[in-house]
Each structure stands twice: as structure tokens, then as C-alpha cells.
Amino acid sequence: MTVWVPLIEIDTVSNDAARNKFKSYLGTKGLRVTNQRLAIFEAAFGQSEHYTAEELLEFARAIDDSVSRATVYRTLPIMVESALLREVDIGKNLKYYLPNVEGGTEVAQVICLDCDHIFEIEAPFMEWYGNSVASKVNQRAVSQRLQVSSRCNKLREAGVCERHSA
């Protein structure tokens, strides 16, 4: 499934802060800040919808045609580890990514099994729930995720859904 996602306007202050965090994180890992890595960053933070590594490669090459597939696949885990990107594994050997907006609330993902579309729903209760559950066994929650698999009612009722490719 390849979907072209248009670039969106991103708040330059948060984009600049995220870019600086990315550069700093690369430095702590002993990695150089290269034009390819910066193009990947810009492409990643220019998207409003979830994207795959292959889609990110297309977006990054539109910025800098020298971006290699290997650099995308090596840079994505760094961006996830640094909490700049959120990784969503929907199974099927397929992962999607989306910028992790600072100050955003916790989100739950609802994944449509008919078209693989990922809906992100604000779920402010998740932080409280994760901390409550972990504290019961004398632990501290460091991450959590809530994924709900669903089927499209519109597709079932009308036989048509704008996100479903027949």
C-alpha cells in the first residue's frame, strides 16, 4: 500500500526544537549530522499521516535525491529511540511512523483491518493507567501502547469506504 501524503505546515518553533534534539542525539551516539539524515528528518516531520519506511524514503528523496534506503532504515530506529518518532507496528511485517509531538497527550491507535488505516485517538487516561498497573508490582511505567483492531462499519453497511481500495 503506497499512499502519497502531502507535506503539511509544521510549527517552526517545535520543528526547530525537534531538529536540534535530533542533531544532539546523533552527537551522543557518535554519529555525524549529514545532509541525508537532515533530509530524512525534514521528510519525517513534514507528514501529517502515518508512513512506512519506504514512503519516508520517497519523501526524503524529494528533498535530497542522494538519500539512500540504507540510511533511512538506519535512521528510523535512532529517531524512535530518541522519542522523535512514534513507531506503530500493525503486524503483517509492517511498521508505520509519525512524529511524536512534544506535549501531546497519550494516544491509542485504532487500526482498521480492512484498509490498515491508523486512527490516533487522544487517551489521557493511559498515563494514569500505566502508572497504576506498574505500581501494583512495584515498578515504574516507561512506555505503553494501546492498539484496537477494528472493522469498517461503513464498508460493511454500504459496501464502500473512501479509505478501502477494492
N, C-alpha and C. Protein backbone atom coordinates (compact mmCIF):
# COMPACT_ATOMS: atom_id res chain seq x y z
N MET A 1 0.85 -1.17 0.00
CA MET A 1 0.00 0.00 0.00
C MET A 1 0.90 1.24 0.00
N THR A 2 0.89 1.98 -1.09
CA THR A 2 1.65 3.21 -1.16
C THR A 2 0.66 4.36 -1.30
N VAL A 3 0.75 5.28 -0.39
CA VAL A 3 -0.14 6.43 -0.38
C VAL A 3 0.72 7.68 -0.34
N TRP A 4 0.47 8.62 -1.23
CA TRP A 4 1.20 9.87 -1.20
C TRP A 4 0.55 10.76 -0.16
N VAL A 5 1.34 11.22 0.77
CA VAL A 5 0.83 12.09 1.83
C VAL A 5 1.45 13.46 1.62
N PRO A 6 0.64 14.50 1.44
CA PRO A 6 1.19 15.83 1.20
C PRO A 6 1.91 16.37 2.42
N LEU A 7 2.91 17.21 2.17
CA LEU A 7 3.60 17.88 3.27
C LEU A 7 2.64 18.86 3.93
N ILE A 8 2.78 19.02 5.22
CA ILE A 8 1.92 19.95 5.96
C ILE A 8 2.77 21.04 6.57
N GLU A 9 2.13 22.11 6.97
CA GLU A 9 2.83 23.17 7.67
C GLU A 9 3.08 22.73 9.11
N ILE A 10 4.30 22.82 9.56
CA ILE A 10 4.66 22.44 10.92
C ILE A 10 5.10 23.70 11.66
N ASP A 11 4.72 23.82 12.90
CA ASP A 11 5.15 24.94 13.72
C ASP A 11 6.67 24.98 13.76
N THR A 12 7.27 26.07 13.24
CA THR A 12 8.73 26.12 13.13
C THR A 12 9.44 26.06 14.47
N VAL A 13 8.82 26.57 15.52
CA VAL A 13 9.47 26.51 16.83
C VAL A 13 9.64 25.05 17.25
N SER A 14 8.56 24.26 17.19
CA SER A 14 8.66 22.87 17.60
C SER A 14 9.52 22.08 16.63
N ASN A 15 9.46 22.44 15.32
CA ASN A 15 10.29 21.77 14.34
C ASN A 15 11.76 22.07 14.59
N ASP A 16 12.08 23.32 14.90
CA ASP A 16 13.47 23.68 15.22
C ASP A 16 13.95 22.96 16.48
N ALA A 17 13.10 22.90 17.49
CA ALA A 17 13.47 22.20 18.73
C ALA A 17 13.69 20.72 18.46
N ALA A 18 12.83 20.13 17.66
CA ALA A 18 12.98 18.70 17.34
C ALA A 18 14.24 18.48 16.52
N ARG A 19 14.53 19.36 15.56
CA ARG A 19 15.74 19.24 14.75
C ARG A 19 16.98 19.32 15.63
N ASN A 20 16.97 20.28 16.58
CA ASN A 20 18.11 20.41 17.50
C ASN A 20 18.26 19.17 18.37
N LYS A 21 17.15 18.62 18.82
CA LYS A 21 17.19 17.39 19.61
C LYS A 21 17.77 16.25 18.78
N PHE A 22 17.38 16.16 17.51
CA PHE A 22 17.89 15.13 16.61
C PHE A 22 19.40 15.27 16.44
N LYS A 23 19.86 16.48 16.17
CA LYS A 23 21.30 16.70 15.99
C LYS A 23 22.06 16.36 17.26
N SER A 24 21.54 16.78 18.39
CA SER A 24 22.18 16.49 19.67
C SER A 24 22.23 14.99 19.94
N TYR A 25 21.12 14.31 19.66
CA TYR A 25 21.06 12.86 19.90
C TYR A 25 22.06 12.13 19.00
N LEU A 26 22.17 12.56 17.75
CA LEU A 26 23.16 11.94 16.86
C LEU A 26 24.56 12.09 17.47
N GLY A 27 24.84 13.28 18.02
CA GLY A 27 26.14 13.52 18.64
C GLY A 27 26.41 12.60 19.82
N THR A 28 25.38 12.36 20.65
CA THR A 28 25.58 11.47 21.80
C THR A 28 25.85 10.03 21.36
N LYS A 29 25.40 9.68 20.16
CA LYS A 29 25.63 8.34 19.62
C LYS A 29 26.91 8.26 18.80
N GLY A 30 27.63 9.40 18.71
CA GLY A 30 28.86 9.43 17.93
C GLY A 30 28.62 9.40 16.43
N LEU A 31 27.43 9.86 16.01
CA LEU A 31 27.08 9.86 14.59
C LEU A 31 27.13 11.28 14.04
N ARG A 32 27.48 11.39 12.78
CA ARG A 32 27.57 12.70 12.14
C ARG A 32 26.19 13.19 11.70
N VAL A 33 26.03 14.50 11.70
CA VAL A 33 24.84 15.13 11.14
C VAL A 33 25.13 15.31 9.65
N THR A 34 24.44 14.53 8.81
CA THR A 34 24.68 14.59 7.37
C THR A 34 23.46 15.20 6.66
N ASN A 35 23.66 15.61 5.43
CA ASN A 35 22.55 16.13 4.64
C ASN A 35 21.47 15.07 4.44
N GLN A 36 21.88 13.82 4.27
CA GLN A 36 20.89 12.74 4.12
C GLN A 36 20.05 12.60 5.38
N ARG A 37 20.68 12.59 6.53
CA ARG A 37 19.92 12.45 7.79
C ARG A 37 19.00 13.65 8.01
N LEU A 38 19.46 14.83 7.66
CA LEU A 38 18.60 16.02 7.81
C LEU A 38 17.42 15.98 6.84
N ALA A 39 17.64 15.47 5.63
CA ALA A 39 16.53 15.33 4.67
C ALA A 39 15.51 14.32 5.20
N ILE A 40 15.99 13.25 5.82
CA ILE A 40 15.08 12.25 6.41
C ILE A 40 14.29 12.89 7.54
N PHE A 41 14.97 13.67 8.38
CA PHE A 41 14.28 14.36 9.46
C PHE A 41 13.19 15.28 8.90
N GLU A 42 13.55 16.11 7.92
CA GLU A 42 12.59 17.06 7.34
C GLU A 42 11.40 16.32 6.71
N ALA A 43 11.67 15.24 6.02
CA ALA A 43 10.60 14.46 5.40
C ALA A 43 9.71 13.84 6.46
N ALA A 44 10.31 13.31 7.52
CA ALA A 44 9.54 12.68 8.59
C ALA A 44 8.64 13.68 9.29
N PHE A 45 9.17 14.87 9.57
CA PHE A 45 8.40 15.87 10.31
C PHE A 45 7.48 16.70 9.41
N GLY A 46 7.52 16.43 8.11
CA GLY A 46 6.65 17.14 7.19
C GLY A 46 5.37 16.38 6.87
N GLN A 47 5.13 15.28 7.57
CA GLN A 47 3.96 14.45 7.26
C GLN A 47 2.89 14.58 8.33
N SER A 48 1.64 14.53 7.87
CA SER A 48 0.51 14.62 8.81
C SER A 48 -0.12 13.26 9.06
N GLU A 49 0.22 12.26 8.25
CA GLU A 49 -0.33 10.91 8.39
C GLU A 49 0.81 9.93 8.63
N HIS A 50 0.46 8.75 9.11
CA HIS A 50 1.45 7.70 9.31
C HIS A 50 2.07 7.31 7.97
N TYR A 51 3.32 6.90 8.00
CA TYR A 51 4.02 6.49 6.79
C TYR A 51 4.94 5.33 7.10
N THR A 52 5.26 4.56 6.06
CA THR A 52 6.18 3.44 6.19
C THR A 52 7.60 3.92 5.90
N ALA A 53 8.57 3.06 6.12
CA ALA A 53 9.96 3.40 5.81
C ALA A 53 10.13 3.66 4.31
N GLU A 54 9.47 2.86 3.49
CA GLU A 54 9.57 3.05 2.04
C GLU A 54 8.95 4.37 1.60
N GLU A 55 7.83 4.74 2.22
CA GLU A 55 7.22 6.03 1.90
C GLU A 55 8.13 7.17 2.36
N LEU A 56 8.75 7.02 3.54
CA LEU A 56 9.68 8.04 4.02
C LEU A 56 10.85 8.20 3.06
N LEU A 57 11.32 7.09 2.50
CA LEU A 57 12.40 7.15 1.51
C LEU A 57 11.98 8.02 0.32
N GLU A 58 10.76 7.84 -0.18
CA GLU A 58 10.25 8.67 -1.29
C GLU A 58 10.20 10.14 -0.89
N PHE A 59 9.66 10.41 0.31
CA PHE A 59 9.55 11.80 0.77
C PHE A 59 10.93 12.44 0.91
N ALA A 60 11.88 11.69 1.48
CA ALA A 60 13.23 12.23 1.70
C ALA A 60 13.95 12.46 0.37
N ARG A 61 13.76 11.55 -0.58
CA ARG A 61 14.40 11.72 -1.89
C ARG A 61 13.84 12.93 -2.65
N ALA A 62 12.61 13.32 -2.33
CA ALA A 62 12.05 14.53 -2.94
C ALA A 62 12.78 15.78 -2.43
N ILE A 63 13.39 15.66 -1.24
CA ILE A 63 14.16 16.76 -0.66
C ILE A 63 15.62 16.68 -1.09
N ASP A 64 16.18 15.47 -1.05
CA ASP A 64 17.58 15.24 -1.42
C ASP A 64 17.65 13.89 -2.12
N ASP A 65 17.87 13.91 -3.41
CA ASP A 65 17.82 12.64 -4.17
C ASP A 65 18.98 11.70 -3.87
N SER A 66 19.94 12.12 -3.04
CA SER A 66 21.05 11.23 -2.67
C SER A 66 20.73 10.37 -1.45
N VAL A 67 19.54 10.54 -0.85
CA VAL A 67 19.17 9.76 0.33
C VAL A 67 19.08 8.28 -0.05
N SER A 68 19.79 7.45 0.70
CA SER A 68 19.79 6.02 0.40
C SER A 68 18.79 5.27 1.28
N ARG A 69 18.34 4.15 0.78
CA ARG A 69 17.42 3.28 1.53
C ARG A 69 18.08 2.85 2.84
N ALA A 70 19.36 2.51 2.78
CA ALA A 70 20.08 2.06 3.98
C ALA A 70 20.09 3.14 5.05
N THR A 71 20.29 4.40 4.64
CA THR A 71 20.32 5.49 5.62
C THR A 71 18.96 5.68 6.26
N VAL A 72 17.89 5.55 5.48
CA VAL A 72 16.53 5.65 6.04
C VAL A 72 16.34 4.55 7.08
N TYR A 73 16.68 3.31 6.72
CA TYR A 73 16.47 2.19 7.63
C TYR A 73 17.38 2.24 8.86
N ARG A 74 18.53 2.90 8.76
CA ARG A 74 19.39 3.06 9.93
C ARG A 74 18.96 4.26 10.78
N THR A 75 18.36 5.26 10.16
CA THR A 75 17.99 6.48 10.88
C THR A 75 16.66 6.32 11.62
N LEU A 76 15.72 5.56 11.09
CA LEU A 76 14.42 5.40 11.76
C LEU A 76 14.55 4.90 13.20
N PRO A 77 15.32 3.83 13.48
CA PRO A 77 15.43 3.40 14.88
C PRO A 77 16.05 4.46 15.79
N ILE A 78 16.94 5.27 15.25
CA ILE A 78 17.55 6.34 16.05
C ILE A 78 16.49 7.38 16.40
N MET A 79 15.64 7.71 15.44
CA MET A 79 14.59 8.70 15.69
C MET A 79 13.53 8.16 16.65
N VAL A 80 13.26 6.87 16.60
CA VAL A 80 12.32 6.26 17.55
C VAL A 80 12.93 6.22 18.95
N GLU A 81 14.18 5.77 19.02
CA GLU A 81 14.89 5.69 20.31
C GLU A 81 14.99 7.05 21.00
N SER A 82 15.13 8.10 20.21
CA SER A 82 15.25 9.45 20.77
C SER A 82 13.89 10.07 21.07
N ALA A 83 12.82 9.32 20.83
CA ALA A 83 11.43 9.75 21.07
C ALA A 83 10.98 10.86 20.12
N LEU A 84 11.67 11.02 19.00
CA LEU A 84 11.24 11.99 18.00
C LEU A 84 10.10 11.43 17.15
N LEU A 85 10.13 10.13 16.91
CA LEU A 85 9.09 9.46 16.14
C LEU A 85 8.41 8.40 16.98
N ARG A 86 7.15 8.19 16.70
CA ARG A 86 6.40 7.09 17.29
C ARG A 86 6.33 5.98 16.24
N GLU A 87 6.59 4.75 16.67
CA GLU A 87 6.52 3.60 15.78
C GLU A 87 5.25 2.82 16.08
N VAL A 88 4.49 2.51 15.04
CA VAL A 88 3.26 1.74 15.21
C VAL A 88 3.41 0.46 14.42
N ASP A 89 3.43 -0.66 15.12
CA ASP A 89 3.55 -1.97 14.49
C ASP A 89 2.16 -2.56 14.37
N ILE A 90 1.67 -2.68 13.13
CA ILE A 90 0.32 -3.22 12.94
C ILE A 90 0.35 -4.70 12.61
N GLY A 91 1.49 -5.34 12.81
CA GLY A 91 1.61 -6.73 12.42
C GLY A 91 1.88 -6.79 10.93
N LYS A 92 1.66 -7.92 10.33
CA LYS A 92 1.84 -8.07 8.87
C LYS A 92 3.22 -7.64 8.42
N ASN A 93 4.22 -7.69 9.32
CA ASN A 93 5.58 -7.27 8.98
C ASN A 93 5.63 -5.83 8.47
N LEU A 94 4.80 -4.96 9.04
CA LEU A 94 4.68 -3.59 8.56
C LEU A 94 4.65 -2.63 9.74
N LYS A 95 5.54 -1.64 9.70
CA LYS A 95 5.57 -0.62 10.74
C LYS A 95 5.31 0.75 10.11
N TYR A 96 4.60 1.56 10.86
CA TYR A 96 4.32 2.93 10.44
C TYR A 96 4.94 3.88 11.44
N TYR A 97 5.19 5.11 11.00
CA TYR A 97 5.85 6.11 11.84
C TYR A 97 5.09 7.42 11.76
N LEU A 98 5.23 8.22 12.81
CA LEU A 98 4.63 9.54 12.88
C LEU A 98 5.42 10.37 13.88
N PRO A 99 5.64 11.66 13.59
CA PRO A 99 6.36 12.50 14.57
C PRO A 99 5.66 12.47 15.93
N ASN A 100 6.47 12.40 16.96
CA ASN A 100 5.98 12.39 18.33
C ASN A 100 5.95 13.83 18.82
N VAL A 101 4.79 14.45 18.77
CA VAL A 101 4.67 15.86 19.10
C VAL A 101 4.83 16.05 20.60
N GLU A 102 5.79 16.91 20.96
CA GLU A 102 6.05 17.20 22.38
C GLU A 102 4.80 17.80 23.02
N GLY A 103 4.52 17.42 24.24
CA GLY A 103 3.40 17.98 24.97
C GLY A 103 2.06 17.41 24.58
N GLY A 104 2.06 16.48 23.61
CA GLY A 104 0.80 15.87 23.20
C GLY A 104 0.33 14.88 24.26
N THR A 105 -0.96 14.61 24.26
CA THR A 105 -1.46 13.64 25.21
C THR A 105 -1.15 12.24 24.73
N GLU A 106 -1.33 11.28 25.60
CA GLU A 106 -1.17 9.88 25.21
C GLU A 106 -2.21 9.54 24.16
N VAL A 107 -1.85 8.65 23.25
CA VAL A 107 -2.79 8.27 22.20
C VAL A 107 -2.96 6.76 22.15
N ALA A 108 -4.13 6.37 21.72
CA ALA A 108 -4.42 4.98 21.42
C ALA A 108 -4.56 4.87 19.91
N GLN A 109 -4.16 3.77 19.36
CA GLN A 109 -4.31 3.57 17.93
C GLN A 109 -5.45 2.60 17.67
N VAL A 110 -6.32 2.99 16.74
CA VAL A 110 -7.38 2.11 16.25
C VAL A 110 -6.97 1.78 14.82
N ILE A 111 -6.75 0.50 14.55
CA ILE A 111 -6.24 0.07 13.26
C ILE A 111 -7.34 -0.67 12.50
N CYS A 112 -7.71 -0.15 11.35
CA CYS A 112 -8.75 -0.77 10.53
C CYS A 112 -8.16 -2.00 9.84
N LEU A 113 -8.73 -3.15 10.08
CA LEU A 113 -8.25 -4.39 9.47
C LEU A 113 -8.63 -4.47 7.99
N ASP A 114 -9.56 -3.62 7.55
CA ASP A 114 -9.98 -3.63 6.15
C ASP A 114 -9.01 -2.87 5.25
N CYS A 115 -8.44 -1.78 5.76
CA CYS A 115 -7.57 -0.95 4.90
C CYS A 115 -6.23 -0.59 5.56
N ASP A 116 -5.99 -1.03 6.78
CA ASP A 116 -4.76 -0.73 7.53
C ASP A 116 -4.62 0.74 7.90
N HIS A 117 -5.70 1.51 7.79
CA HIS A 117 -5.63 2.91 8.21
C HIS A 117 -5.47 2.97 9.73
N ILE A 118 -4.64 3.87 10.20
CA ILE A 118 -4.40 4.03 11.63
C ILE A 118 -5.05 5.33 12.09
N PHE A 119 -5.95 5.22 13.03
CA PHE A 119 -6.58 6.39 13.63
C PHE A 119 -5.91 6.58 14.99
N GLU A 120 -5.53 7.80 15.31
CA GLU A 120 -4.96 8.08 16.63
C GLU A 120 -6.00 8.84 17.43
N ILE A 121 -6.33 8.30 18.59
CA ILE A 121 -7.35 8.87 19.46
C ILE A 121 -6.69 9.31 20.76
N GLU A 122 -6.96 10.54 21.18
CA GLU A 122 -6.40 11.00 22.45
C GLU A 122 -6.89 10.10 23.57
N ALA A 123 -5.98 9.69 24.42
CA ALA A 123 -6.31 8.79 25.52
C ALA A 123 -5.56 9.24 26.78
N PRO A 124 -5.98 10.36 27.37
CA PRO A 124 -5.25 10.91 28.51
C PRO A 124 -5.22 9.99 29.73
N PHE A 125 -6.10 9.01 29.79
CA PHE A 125 -6.13 8.07 30.90
C PHE A 125 -4.95 7.11 30.89
N MET A 126 -4.27 6.99 29.73
CA MET A 126 -3.23 5.96 29.61
C MET A 126 -2.07 6.15 30.57
N GLU A 127 -1.63 7.38 30.77
CA GLU A 127 -0.52 7.61 31.69
C GLU A 127 -0.90 7.15 33.09
N TRP A 128 -2.09 7.56 33.55
CA TRP A 128 -2.57 7.15 34.86
C TRP A 128 -2.67 5.62 34.94
N TYR A 129 -3.25 5.02 33.93
CA TYR A 129 -3.45 3.56 33.94
C TYR A 129 -2.11 2.82 33.96
N GLY A 130 -1.18 3.24 33.11
CA GLY A 130 0.14 2.59 33.08
C GLY A 130 0.85 2.69 34.41
N ASN A 131 0.81 3.88 35.02
CA ASN A 131 1.45 4.06 36.33
C ASN A 131 0.76 3.24 37.41
N SER A 132 -0.57 3.17 37.36
CA SER A 132 -1.32 2.38 38.35
C SER A 132 -0.98 0.90 38.26
N VAL A 133 -0.98 0.38 37.05
CA VAL A 133 -0.69 -1.05 36.85
C VAL A 133 0.74 -1.36 37.27
N ALA A 134 1.70 -0.56 36.84
CA ALA A 134 3.10 -0.82 37.16
C ALA A 134 3.36 -0.71 38.66
N SER A 135 2.72 0.26 39.32
CA SER A 135 2.96 0.44 40.75
C SER A 135 2.46 -0.74 41.57
N LYS A 136 1.49 -1.47 41.07
CA LYS A 136 0.97 -2.64 41.79
C LYS A 136 2.02 -3.73 41.94
N VAL A 137 3.02 -3.72 41.07
CA VAL A 137 4.11 -4.69 41.16
C VAL A 137 5.44 -3.99 41.44
N ASN A 138 5.32 -2.80 42.07
CA ASN A 138 6.47 -2.01 42.48
C ASN A 138 7.41 -1.69 41.31
N GLN A 139 6.82 -1.26 40.21
CA GLN A 139 7.57 -0.88 39.01
C GLN A 139 7.18 0.53 38.61
N ARG A 140 7.94 1.09 37.69
CA ARG A 140 7.65 2.41 37.12
C ARG A 140 7.44 2.25 35.62
N ALA A 141 6.30 2.68 35.13
CA ALA A 141 5.99 2.57 33.70
C ALA A 141 6.92 3.50 32.90
N VAL A 142 7.50 2.97 31.83
CA VAL A 142 8.34 3.80 30.96
C VAL A 142 7.74 3.93 29.56
N SER A 143 6.90 2.98 29.18
CA SER A 143 6.20 3.11 27.91
C SER A 143 5.00 2.17 27.93
N GLN A 144 4.09 2.47 27.03
CA GLN A 144 2.90 1.63 26.89
C GLN A 144 2.25 1.96 25.58
N ARG A 145 1.38 1.07 25.13
CA ARG A 145 0.61 1.38 23.94
C ARG A 145 -0.71 0.64 24.00
N LEU A 146 -1.68 1.26 23.38
CA LEU A 146 -3.00 0.65 23.29
C LEU A 146 -3.38 0.64 21.82
N GLN A 147 -3.56 -0.57 21.30
CA GLN A 147 -3.99 -0.72 19.92
C GLN A 147 -5.29 -1.50 19.89
N VAL A 148 -6.24 -0.98 19.14
CA VAL A 148 -7.52 -1.63 18.97
C VAL A 148 -7.65 -1.97 17.49
N SER A 149 -7.89 -3.25 17.19
CA SER A 149 -8.14 -3.66 15.81
C SER A 149 -9.63 -3.55 15.56
N SER A 150 -9.99 -3.04 14.39
CA SER A 150 -11.41 -2.79 14.11
C SER A 150 -11.74 -3.13 12.66
N ARG A 151 -13.03 -3.17 12.39
CA ARG A 151 -13.55 -3.36 11.03
C ARG A 151 -14.41 -2.14 10.69
N CYS A 152 -14.40 -1.73 9.44
CA CYS A 152 -15.09 -0.52 8.99
C CYS A 152 -16.60 -0.77 8.87
N ASN A 153 -17.39 -0.08 9.70
CA ASN A 153 -18.84 -0.19 9.62
C ASN A 153 -19.37 0.31 8.28
N LYS A 154 -18.80 1.40 7.79
CA LYS A 154 -19.26 1.99 6.54
C LYS A 154 -19.08 1.00 5.38
N LEU A 155 -17.95 0.30 5.36
CA LEU A 155 -17.69 -0.69 4.31
C LEU A 155 -18.70 -1.82 4.39
N ARG A 156 -19.00 -2.28 5.61
CA ARG A 156 -19.95 -3.37 5.79
C ARG A 156 -21.39 -2.99 5.44
N GLU A 157 -21.76 -1.78 5.83
CA GLU A 157 -23.15 -1.34 5.62
C GLU A 157 -23.41 -0.88 4.19
N ALA A 158 -22.50 -0.11 3.62
CA ALA A 158 -22.74 0.48 2.30
C ALA A 158 -21.91 -0.19 1.20
N GLY A 159 -20.95 -1.02 1.61
CA GLY A 159 -20.08 -1.65 0.63
C GLY A 159 -19.00 -0.75 0.08
N VAL A 160 -18.92 0.48 0.63
CA VAL A 160 -17.94 1.45 0.15
C VAL A 160 -17.33 2.19 1.32
N CYS A 161 -16.03 2.38 1.26
CA CYS A 161 -15.32 3.22 2.23
C CYS A 161 -14.22 3.95 1.48
N GLU A 162 -14.11 5.25 1.69
CA GLU A 162 -13.14 6.05 0.94
C GLU A 162 -11.69 5.63 1.19
N ARG A 163 -11.40 4.97 2.29
CA ARG A 163 -10.03 4.54 2.58
C ARG A 163 -9.75 3.14 2.07
N HIS A 164 -10.77 2.38 1.75
CA HIS A 164 -10.60 0.98 1.34
C HIS A 164 -10.42 0.88 -0.17
N SER A 165 -9.31 0.30 -0.60
CA SER A 165 -9.11 0.09 -2.03
C SER A 165 -9.58 -1.32 -2.36
N ALA A 166 -10.57 -1.42 -3.19
CA ALA A 166 -11.22 -2.69 -3.51
C ALA A 166 -10.36 -3.68 -4.21
